[in-house]
N, C-alpha and C. Protein backbone atom coordinates (compact mmCIF):
# COMPACT_ATOMS: atom_id res chain seq x y z
N MET A 1 4.09 -9.22 -36.32
CA MET A 1 3.56 -9.91 -37.31
C MET A 1 1.96 -10.42 -37.26
N ILE A 2 1.71 -10.53 -37.88
CA ILE A 2 -0.40 -10.46 -37.87
C ILE A 2 -0.29 -11.82 -38.32
N THR A 3 -1.04 -12.86 -37.69
CA THR A 3 -1.56 -13.99 -38.01
C THR A 3 -2.99 -13.87 -38.38
N ASN A 4 -3.22 -15.04 -39.43
CA ASN A 4 -4.56 -14.96 -39.38
C ASN A 4 -5.53 -15.20 -38.79
N THR A 5 -5.06 -15.62 -37.64
CA THR A 5 -6.34 -15.90 -36.43
C THR A 5 -6.55 -14.82 -36.22
N LEU A 6 -5.51 -13.74 -35.65
CA LEU A 6 -5.97 -12.41 -34.93
C LEU A 6 -6.52 -11.69 -36.44
N ARG A 7 -6.14 -11.91 -37.24
CA ARG A 7 -7.08 -11.08 -38.43
C ARG A 7 -8.05 -11.36 -38.50
N ASP A 8 -8.45 -12.76 -38.85
CA ASP A 8 -10.21 -13.29 -38.76
C ASP A 8 -11.09 -12.94 -38.01
N LEU A 9 -10.08 -13.02 -36.43
CA LEU A 9 -11.39 -12.54 -35.23
C LEU A 9 -11.49 -10.76 -35.16
N ALA A 10 -10.44 -10.04 -35.92
CA ALA A 10 -10.93 -8.77 -36.09
C ALA A 10 -12.26 -8.59 -36.91
N ILE A 11 -12.19 -9.54 -37.72
CA ILE A 11 -13.20 -9.35 -39.30
C ILE A 11 -14.64 -9.67 -38.45
N ALA A 12 -14.51 -10.82 -38.26
CA ALA A 12 -15.64 -10.99 -37.22
C ALA A 12 -16.35 -10.05 -36.61
N ALA A 13 -15.56 -9.61 -35.67
CA ALA A 13 -15.87 -8.88 -34.81
C ALA A 13 -16.54 -7.60 -35.31
N MET A 14 -15.73 -7.11 -36.37
CA MET A 14 -16.48 -6.15 -37.42
C MET A 14 -17.89 -6.81 -37.54
N GLU A 15 -18.28 -7.52 -38.18
CA GLU A 15 -19.58 -8.17 -38.33
C GLU A 15 -20.34 -8.06 -37.60
N LYS A 16 -20.31 -7.39 -36.42
CA LYS A 16 -21.19 -7.65 -34.77
C LYS A 16 -21.30 -6.03 -34.70
N SER A 17 -20.72 -5.30 -35.78
CA SER A 17 -20.75 -3.43 -34.83
C SER A 17 -22.50 -3.60 -35.07
N TYR A 18 -22.60 -2.60 -34.40
CA TYR A 18 -23.97 -1.90 -34.32
C TYR A 18 -23.42 0.04 -34.98
N SER A 19 -23.85 0.01 -36.07
CA SER A 19 -23.41 1.07 -36.69
C SER A 19 -24.27 1.92 -37.76
N PRO A 20 -25.69 1.92 -37.11
CA PRO A 20 -27.15 2.70 -37.70
C PRO A 20 -26.59 3.78 -38.41
N TYR A 21 -25.77 4.55 -37.78
CA TYR A 21 -25.41 5.98 -37.72
C TYR A 21 -24.92 6.12 -39.23
N SER A 22 -23.27 6.13 -38.85
CA SER A 22 -22.29 6.20 -39.76
C SER A 22 -22.17 4.71 -40.53
N THR A 23 -23.29 3.60 -40.58
CA THR A 23 -22.99 2.12 -41.60
C THR A 23 -22.06 2.13 -41.36
N LYS A 24 -20.82 2.54 -41.06
CA LYS A 24 -19.50 2.34 -41.11
C LYS A 24 -18.90 1.08 -39.74
N LYS A 25 -18.49 -0.22 -40.44
CA LYS A 25 -18.36 -0.81 -39.53
C LYS A 25 -17.06 -1.00 -38.93
N VAL A 26 -16.77 -1.24 -37.72
CA VAL A 26 -14.91 -1.27 -37.66
C VAL A 26 -15.21 -2.86 -36.06
N GLY A 27 -14.03 -3.53 -36.56
CA GLY A 27 -14.06 -4.89 -35.49
C GLY A 27 -12.83 -4.70 -35.43
N ALA A 28 -12.58 -4.80 -33.64
CA ALA A 28 -10.88 -5.11 -33.18
C ALA A 28 -10.32 -6.31 -32.61
N VAL A 29 -9.32 -6.86 -32.45
CA VAL A 29 -8.71 -7.54 -31.34
C VAL A 29 -7.79 -7.03 -30.81
N ILE A 30 -7.49 -7.49 -29.58
CA ILE A 30 -6.17 -7.22 -29.04
C ILE A 30 -5.62 -8.55 -28.30
N GLU A 31 -4.17 -8.13 -28.31
CA GLU A 31 -3.82 -9.88 -28.13
C GLU A 31 -2.65 -9.04 -26.54
N LEU A 32 -2.86 -10.10 -25.91
CA LEU A 32 -2.07 -9.56 -24.54
C LEU A 32 -0.53 -9.93 -23.88
N SER A 33 0.01 -10.17 -23.84
CA SER A 33 1.56 -10.46 -23.57
C SER A 33 1.30 -11.50 -23.09
N ASN A 34 0.31 -12.13 -22.13
CA ASN A 34 0.11 -13.35 -21.88
C ASN A 34 -0.81 -13.88 -22.75
N GLY A 35 -1.13 -13.90 -23.93
CA GLY A 35 -1.31 -14.22 -25.08
C GLY A 35 -2.87 -14.35 -24.98
N SER A 36 -3.67 -14.16 -24.23
CA SER A 36 -5.12 -13.54 -24.28
C SER A 36 -5.66 -12.89 -25.45
N THR A 37 -6.36 -12.94 -26.03
CA THR A 37 -7.35 -11.97 -26.83
C THR A 37 -8.88 -11.58 -26.51
N PHE A 38 -8.98 -10.60 -26.66
CA PHE A 38 -10.31 -9.49 -26.43
C PHE A 38 -10.53 -8.95 -28.30
N THR A 39 -11.98 -9.06 -28.34
CA THR A 39 -12.61 -8.64 -29.21
C THR A 39 -13.35 -7.09 -29.28
N GLY A 40 -13.83 -6.50 -29.81
CA GLY A 40 -14.46 -5.66 -29.94
C GLY A 40 -15.07 -4.81 -31.24
N CYS A 41 -15.91 -4.18 -31.16
CA CYS A 41 -16.95 -3.62 -32.53
C CYS A 41 -16.94 -2.37 -31.85
N ASN A 42 -17.41 -2.02 -32.88
CA ASN A 42 -18.37 -0.26 -32.53
C ASN A 42 -19.59 -0.45 -32.58
N VAL A 43 -19.76 0.68 -31.46
CA VAL A 43 -21.43 0.57 -31.08
C VAL A 43 -21.63 1.93 -30.57
N GLU A 44 -22.65 2.36 -32.05
CA GLU A 44 -23.18 3.95 -31.92
C GLU A 44 -24.39 3.98 -31.21
N ASN A 45 -24.58 4.90 -30.65
CA ASN A 45 -25.92 6.07 -29.81
C ASN A 45 -26.53 6.92 -30.83
N SER A 46 -27.44 7.34 -30.92
CA SER A 46 -27.99 8.39 -31.54
C SER A 46 -27.83 9.64 -30.46
N SER A 47 -27.04 9.59 -29.02
CA SER A 47 -26.64 10.78 -28.54
C SER A 47 -24.99 10.37 -29.53
N PHE A 48 -24.33 10.93 -30.35
CA PHE A 48 -22.95 10.47 -30.77
C PHE A 48 -22.18 10.61 -30.04
N GLY A 49 -22.43 11.17 -28.66
CA GLY A 49 -21.19 11.13 -27.87
C GLY A 49 -21.03 9.80 -26.95
N GLY A 50 -22.11 9.26 -27.11
CA GLY A 50 -22.41 7.25 -26.06
C GLY A 50 -21.94 6.72 -27.42
N THR A 51 -21.56 6.82 -28.30
CA THR A 51 -20.83 5.85 -29.01
C THR A 51 -19.29 5.49 -29.01
N VAL A 52 -18.75 4.62 -28.86
CA VAL A 52 -17.76 3.58 -28.56
C VAL A 52 -17.33 3.04 -29.43
N CYS A 53 -15.63 2.99 -29.71
CA CYS A 53 -15.04 2.77 -31.35
C CYS A 53 -14.18 1.33 -30.72
N ALA A 54 -14.38 0.44 -31.38
CA ALA A 54 -14.18 -1.01 -31.36
C ALA A 54 -12.78 -1.10 -30.39
N GLU A 55 -12.03 -0.61 -30.72
CA GLU A 55 -10.79 -0.94 -29.77
C GLU A 55 -11.03 -0.75 -28.52
N ARG A 56 -11.15 0.39 -27.75
CA ARG A 56 -11.85 0.93 -26.94
C ARG A 56 -12.88 -0.33 -26.55
N VAL A 57 -13.61 -0.87 -26.77
CA VAL A 57 -14.41 -2.29 -26.33
C VAL A 57 -13.58 -2.84 -26.00
N ALA A 58 -12.35 -3.65 -26.92
CA ALA A 58 -11.76 -4.49 -26.67
C ALA A 58 -11.14 -4.36 -25.56
N ILE A 59 -10.04 -3.75 -25.29
CA ILE A 59 -9.56 -3.35 -24.31
C ILE A 59 -10.26 -3.04 -23.02
N TRP A 60 -11.25 -2.13 -22.78
CA TRP A 60 -12.26 -2.29 -22.01
C TRP A 60 -12.98 -3.44 -21.08
N LYS A 61 -12.80 -4.12 -22.48
CA LYS A 61 -13.36 -6.07 -22.24
C LYS A 61 -12.34 -6.62 -21.39
N ALA A 62 -10.93 -6.45 -21.83
CA ALA A 62 -9.77 -6.70 -21.08
C ALA A 62 -9.68 -6.56 -19.64
N VAL A 63 -9.64 -4.84 -19.64
CA VAL A 63 -9.66 -4.38 -18.16
C VAL A 63 -10.74 -5.38 -17.16
N SER A 64 -11.98 -4.89 -17.50
CA SER A 64 -12.81 -5.48 -16.98
C SER A 64 -12.78 -7.17 -16.79
N GLU A 65 -12.47 -8.24 -17.34
CA GLU A 65 -12.02 -9.38 -17.04
C GLU A 65 -10.92 -10.04 -16.48
N MET A 66 -9.77 -8.68 -16.45
CA MET A 66 -8.52 -9.50 -16.20
C MET A 66 -7.47 -8.12 -14.81
N GLY A 67 -8.34 -7.54 -15.30
CA GLY A 67 -7.68 -6.35 -13.99
C GLY A 67 -7.01 -5.06 -14.86
N PRO A 68 -6.43 -4.25 -14.24
CA PRO A 68 -5.80 -3.21 -14.69
C PRO A 68 -4.17 -3.61 -15.46
N GLY A 69 -3.87 -4.68 -15.10
CA GLY A 69 -2.36 -5.11 -15.12
C GLY A 69 -1.98 -5.37 -16.66
N ILE A 70 -3.15 -5.25 -17.75
CA ILE A 70 -2.99 -6.10 -18.47
C ILE A 70 -2.09 -5.03 -19.44
N ALA A 71 -1.18 -5.99 -20.35
CA ALA A 71 -0.35 -5.32 -21.53
C ALA A 71 -0.30 -5.58 -22.96
N VAL A 72 -1.00 -4.50 -23.59
CA VAL A 72 -1.55 -4.94 -24.81
C VAL A 72 -0.17 -5.45 -25.82
N LYS A 73 -0.14 -6.60 -26.12
CA LYS A 73 1.46 -6.60 -27.63
C LYS A 73 0.92 -6.44 -28.80
N THR A 74 -0.25 -6.32 -29.10
CA THR A 74 -0.66 -6.64 -30.30
C THR A 74 -2.32 -5.89 -30.60
N VAL A 75 -2.52 -5.14 -31.88
CA VAL A 75 -4.16 -4.48 -32.08
C VAL A 75 -3.96 -4.93 -33.40
N VAL A 76 -5.10 -5.53 -33.88
CA VAL A 76 -5.76 -5.33 -35.23
C VAL A 76 -7.47 -4.98 -35.01
N VAL A 77 -6.88 -3.73 -36.22
CA VAL A 77 -8.93 -3.27 -36.53
C VAL A 77 -8.93 -3.35 -37.46
N ALA A 78 -10.08 -4.01 -38.16
CA ALA A 78 -10.48 -4.60 -39.21
C ALA A 78 -11.67 -3.67 -39.65
N THR A 79 -11.45 -2.86 -41.12
CA THR A 79 -13.07 -1.84 -41.70
C THR A 79 -13.07 -2.79 -43.02
N ASP A 80 -14.20 -2.02 -43.51
CA ASP A 80 -14.12 -2.18 -44.74
C ASP A 80 -13.53 -1.22 -45.63
N ALA A 81 -12.69 -0.37 -45.25
CA ALA A 81 -12.37 0.94 -46.20
C ALA A 81 -11.05 0.62 -46.76
N SER A 82 -10.68 0.56 -47.57
CA SER A 82 -9.07 0.06 -48.86
C SER A 82 -8.34 1.79 -49.25
N PRO A 83 -7.07 2.14 -48.02
CA PRO A 83 -6.82 1.15 -47.29
C PRO A 83 -7.88 1.60 -46.02
N PRO A 84 -7.51 0.06 -45.34
CA PRO A 84 -8.20 0.18 -43.50
C PRO A 84 -7.84 1.39 -43.00
N TRP A 85 -8.59 1.78 -42.08
CA TRP A 85 -8.29 2.84 -41.05
C TRP A 85 -7.78 3.11 -39.93
N VAL A 86 -7.02 4.02 -39.65
CA VAL A 86 -6.14 4.28 -38.38
C VAL A 86 -6.90 4.12 -36.86
N PRO A 87 -6.70 3.48 -36.04
CA PRO A 87 -7.73 4.33 -34.68
C PRO A 87 -7.58 5.71 -35.03
N CYS A 88 -8.57 6.00 -34.10
CA CYS A 88 -9.19 7.20 -33.62
C CYS A 88 -8.13 8.21 -32.77
N GLY A 89 -7.96 9.06 -32.65
CA GLY A 89 -6.69 9.81 -31.57
C GLY A 89 -7.16 9.51 -30.32
N ILE A 90 -8.86 9.72 -29.78
CA ILE A 90 -9.23 8.63 -28.48
C ILE A 90 -8.48 7.54 -28.33
N CYS A 91 -8.78 6.34 -29.52
CA CYS A 91 -8.47 5.20 -29.53
C CYS A 91 -6.49 4.96 -29.21
N ARG A 92 -6.31 5.47 -29.75
CA ARG A 92 -4.87 5.99 -29.25
C ARG A 92 -4.21 5.86 -28.40
N GLN A 93 -4.17 6.97 -27.80
CA GLN A 93 -4.31 7.14 -26.42
C GLN A 93 -4.97 5.98 -25.14
N VAL A 94 -6.11 5.31 -25.30
CA VAL A 94 -6.39 4.52 -24.50
C VAL A 94 -5.69 3.17 -25.26
N ILE A 95 -4.93 2.68 -25.95
CA ILE A 95 -3.83 1.98 -26.32
C ILE A 95 -2.42 2.42 -25.91
N ASN A 96 -2.31 3.41 -25.59
CA ASN A 96 -1.09 3.93 -24.82
C ASN A 96 -0.90 3.43 -23.59
N GLU A 97 -2.09 3.64 -23.16
CA GLU A 97 -2.57 3.43 -21.34
C GLU A 97 -1.69 1.87 -20.82
N PHE A 98 -2.29 1.14 -21.95
CA PHE A 98 -1.96 -0.30 -21.99
C PHE A 98 -0.98 -1.08 -22.73
N ALA A 99 -0.30 -0.08 -23.81
CA ALA A 99 0.19 -0.84 -24.65
C ALA A 99 1.98 -1.52 -24.05
N THR A 100 2.25 -2.66 -24.69
CA THR A 100 3.54 -2.56 -24.11
C THR A 100 4.79 -1.54 -24.98
N LYS A 101 5.59 -1.91 -24.84
CA LYS A 101 6.74 -0.95 -25.57
C LYS A 101 6.91 -1.34 -26.97
N THR A 102 6.24 -2.58 -26.98
CA THR A 102 6.61 -2.81 -28.44
C THR A 102 5.43 -3.19 -29.40
N CYS A 103 4.30 -2.64 -28.65
CA CYS A 103 3.27 -3.04 -29.15
C CYS A 103 3.01 -2.48 -30.39
N GLU A 104 2.41 -3.74 -31.51
CA GLU A 104 1.98 -3.30 -32.81
C GLU A 104 0.31 -3.26 -33.12
N ILE A 105 0.31 -2.17 -34.35
CA ILE A 105 -0.86 -2.57 -34.94
C ILE A 105 -1.08 -2.18 -35.88
N HIS A 106 -1.96 -3.38 -36.48
CA HIS A 106 -2.29 -3.71 -37.85
C HIS A 106 -3.58 -3.62 -38.27
N LEU A 107 -3.89 -2.82 -39.24
CA LEU A 107 -4.80 -2.12 -39.88
C LEU A 107 -5.44 -3.13 -41.04
N VAL A 108 -6.64 -4.13 -40.91
CA VAL A 108 -6.81 -5.13 -42.34
C VAL A 108 -8.06 -4.57 -42.65
N ASN A 109 -8.98 -5.36 -44.02
CA ASN A 109 -9.89 -5.59 -44.74
C ASN A 109 -9.90 -6.75 -44.69
N LYS A 110 -11.35 -6.79 -45.67
CA LYS A 110 -11.69 -8.47 -46.20
C LYS A 110 -10.99 -8.46 -47.75
N VAL A 111 -10.66 -7.71 -48.16
CA VAL A 111 -9.94 -8.08 -49.71
C VAL A 111 -8.54 -8.38 -49.12
N GLY A 112 -7.79 -7.67 -48.14
CA GLY A 112 -6.46 -8.59 -47.76
C GLY A 112 -5.44 -7.39 -47.73
N ASP A 113 -5.77 -5.97 -47.66
CA ASP A 113 -4.94 -4.76 -47.57
C ASP A 113 -4.94 -5.07 -45.68
N VAL A 114 -3.21 -5.03 -45.39
CA VAL A 114 -2.98 -4.81 -44.18
C VAL A 114 -1.99 -3.30 -44.29
N LYS A 115 -1.92 -2.78 -43.52
CA LYS A 115 -0.94 -2.05 -43.05
C LYS A 115 -0.59 -2.20 -41.25
N SER A 116 0.38 -2.11 -41.20
CA SER A 116 1.39 -2.23 -40.12
C SER A 116 2.33 -1.26 -39.66
N PHE A 117 1.88 -0.97 -38.31
CA PHE A 117 2.82 0.35 -37.31
C PHE A 117 3.21 -0.12 -36.23
N THR A 118 3.95 0.59 -35.45
CA THR A 118 4.13 0.31 -34.36
C THR A 118 3.35 1.07 -33.43
N HIS A 119 2.61 1.16 -32.12
CA HIS A 119 2.09 2.03 -31.55
C HIS A 119 2.92 3.57 -31.14
N GLU A 120 4.15 3.03 -31.19
CA GLU A 120 4.47 4.92 -31.15
C GLU A 120 4.74 5.42 -31.97
N GLN A 121 4.42 4.61 -33.37
CA GLN A 121 4.70 5.72 -34.66
C GLN A 121 3.73 6.09 -34.92
N LEU A 122 2.14 5.82 -34.34
CA LEU A 122 0.97 6.22 -34.94
C LEU A 122 0.50 7.22 -33.14
N LEU A 123 1.50 6.87 -32.24
CA LEU A 123 1.22 8.39 -31.44
C LEU A 123 2.68 8.06 -30.71
N PRO A 124 3.46 9.18 -31.17
CA PRO A 124 4.81 9.01 -30.93
C PRO A 124 5.01 9.73 -29.81
N HIS A 125 4.30 10.72 -29.38
CA HIS A 125 4.40 11.63 -27.64
C HIS A 125 2.78 11.67 -27.07
N GLY A 126 2.48 10.68 -27.32
CA GLY A 126 1.58 9.65 -26.37
C GLY A 126 1.42 10.70 -24.93
N PHE A 127 0.41 10.91 -24.28
CA PHE A 127 0.69 11.31 -23.05
C PHE A 127 0.25 10.04 -21.93
N ASP A 128 1.06 9.97 -21.18
CA ASP A 128 1.06 8.77 -19.84
C ASP A 128 1.18 9.34 -18.82
N ARG A 129 1.44 8.31 -17.62
CA ARG A 129 1.49 8.85 -16.34
C ARG A 129 2.73 9.49 -15.70
N SER A 130 3.32 9.76 -16.46
CA SER A 130 4.59 10.18 -16.42
C SER A 130 4.47 11.61 -16.25
N ALA A 131 3.64 12.09 -16.97
CA ALA A 131 3.37 13.14 -17.26
C ALA A 131 2.66 14.29 -16.16
N LEU A 132 2.06 13.36 -15.41
CA LEU A 132 1.16 13.62 -13.95
C LEU A 132 1.83 13.68 -13.22
N ASN A 133 3.02 12.92 -12.85
CA ASN A 133 4.40 13.09 -11.76
C ASN A 133 5.45 14.17 -11.61
N ARG A 134 5.01 15.01 -12.70
CA ARG A 134 6.03 16.13 -12.87
C ARG A 134 5.72 17.56 -12.35
């Protein structure tokens, strides 16, 4: 279930977006299993390969501040789109690396639309470390 606090944090992060090329602002907040939250926004670059999505910024902030043992239990992604956008494939894979088994992903926008999924609904056959051990 999404809280108003998480929704508001994702929308606030969206407002910090650096998106002069696409003009599409995206914000995200992740909540870890220990209750900590980390926000991110999309940061574009004139060399488009240097662009990074909001979801990855939030996760990388969490890892850089708390270490590799983080467990993401909730992801909230905010866009101005209606319906709100889902995370891109790369972000789904990065979420997969750190998601708990019950990780929820909520998509929101300023007009109040909310779409909710489990992580496995959005990435049902994610690549993970178990594949590397085969």
